[in-house]
Amino acid sequence: MERYPQLVINLEHARENVANLVRRCAEKSIRMTGVIKVVNGLPEVCRAYYEGGCKVLASSRIQHLRDLRGLGIGEEFELLRIPMMSEIPDVI
């Protein structure tokens, strides 16, 4: 028996919800960005966002974005903060 809190994510529901949001935003000429920090960059959830139509993924953690690029998830990435001077080469 596991003794700590867990979050269970239904990936199909997440994909459908994102698809609905992307469609509704597109009707108003709004491009949606999926913030992945909330799920700690979990690749399965990020893939559900992407497959649901969210082509721009964002995080305040460079490692999240680097990992997704390596997995081929996402078309565009946004860093949600100003990088430190030492991080600029990684961001570029």
Protein backbone atom coordinates (compact mmCIF):
# COMPACT_ATOMS: atom_id res chain seq x y z
CA MET A 1 0.00 0.00 0.00
CA GLU A 2 1.38 3.39 -1.04
CA ARG A 3 1.26 6.00 1.69
CA TYR A 4 1.68 9.24 -0.18
CA PRO A 5 -0.72 11.39 -2.21
CA GLN A 6 -0.92 10.59 -5.91
CA LEU A 7 -2.35 12.39 -8.87
CA VAL A 8 -3.95 10.14 -11.48
CA ILE A 9 -4.26 11.72 -14.92
CA ASN A 10 -6.57 10.32 -17.57
CA LEU A 11 -4.50 11.04 -20.68
CA GLU A 12 -7.41 10.55 -23.09
CA HIS A 13 -9.51 13.09 -21.17
CA ALA A 14 -6.56 15.49 -21.07
CA ARG A 15 -6.12 15.13 -24.86
CA GLU A 16 -9.85 15.72 -25.47
CA ASN A 17 -9.94 18.73 -23.13
CA VAL A 18 -6.94 20.29 -24.83
CA ALA A 19 -8.48 19.66 -28.27
CA ASN A 20 -11.68 21.41 -27.18
CA LEU A 21 -9.75 24.37 -25.76
CA VAL A 22 -7.56 24.67 -28.86
CA ARG A 23 -10.64 24.61 -31.10
CA ARG A 24 -12.48 27.22 -29.02
CA CYS A 25 -9.43 29.47 -28.91
CA ALA A 26 -8.88 29.13 -32.68
CA GLU A 27 -12.45 30.29 -33.28
CA LYS A 28 -11.41 33.59 -31.65
CA SER A 29 -8.00 33.69 -33.42
CA ILE A 30 -6.19 32.83 -30.18
CA ARG A 31 -3.20 30.50 -30.21
CA MET A 32 -3.02 28.38 -27.08
CA THR A 33 0.18 27.65 -25.19
CA GLY A 34 0.29 24.63 -22.89
CA VAL A 35 2.14 25.25 -19.63
CA ILE A 36 3.78 21.98 -18.66
CA LYS A 37 5.43 23.00 -15.41
CA VAL A 38 2.27 22.08 -13.53
CA VAL A 39 2.81 18.41 -14.50
CA ASN A 40 6.58 18.67 -13.97
CA GLY A 41 7.16 18.14 -17.71
CA LEU A 42 5.79 14.59 -17.58
CA PRO A 43 6.26 13.38 -21.19
CA GLU A 44 2.98 11.43 -21.33
CA VAL A 45 0.94 14.50 -20.38
CA CYS A 46 2.96 16.76 -22.68
CA ARG A 47 2.32 14.34 -25.54
CA ALA A 48 -1.43 14.47 -24.76
CA TYR A 49 -1.28 18.30 -24.94
CA TYR A 50 0.56 18.12 -28.25
CA GLU A 51 -1.72 15.46 -29.76
CA GLY A 52 -4.71 17.50 -28.61
CA GLY A 53 -3.48 20.31 -30.85
CA CYS A 54 -1.43 22.43 -28.48
CA LYS A 55 1.68 22.96 -30.59
CA VAL A 56 3.35 25.48 -28.26
CA LEU A 57 4.57 24.13 -24.91
CA ALA A 58 5.96 26.33 -22.14
CA SER A 59 7.76 25.94 -18.85
CA SER A 60 9.94 27.97 -16.52
CA ARG A 61 12.37 25.05 -16.45
CA ILE A 62 14.78 24.76 -19.35
CA GLN A 63 15.29 21.05 -18.67
CA HIS A 64 11.59 20.34 -19.33
CA LEU A 65 11.83 21.97 -22.75
CA ARG A 66 15.12 20.26 -23.56
CA ASP A 67 13.65 16.86 -22.66
CA LEU A 68 10.59 17.39 -24.87
CA ARG A 69 12.68 18.47 -27.82
CA GLY A 70 14.73 15.30 -27.43
CA LEU A 71 11.54 13.21 -27.44
CA GLY A 72 10.12 15.00 -30.50
CA ILE A 73 7.17 16.42 -28.58
CA GLY A 74 6.14 19.97 -29.48
CA GLU A 75 6.81 22.32 -32.34
CA GLU A 76 7.53 25.52 -30.44
CA PHE A 77 8.75 26.07 -26.91
CA GLU A 78 8.53 29.09 -24.63
CA LEU A 79 10.52 29.82 -21.51
CA LEU A 80 8.23 31.48 -18.95
CA ARG A 81 10.97 33.51 -17.32
CA ILE A 82 14.02 35.54 -18.18
CA PRO A 83 17.05 33.22 -18.33
CA MET A 84 20.07 33.73 -16.11
CA MET A 85 23.16 34.91 -17.99
CA SER A 86 24.69 31.43 -17.71
CA GLU A 87 21.55 29.90 -19.34
CA ILE A 88 21.43 32.10 -22.43
CA PRO A 89 23.38 29.67 -24.66
CA ASP A 90 20.94 26.88 -23.67
CA VAL A 91 17.92 29.05 -24.46
CA ILE A 92 19.21 30.16 -27.85
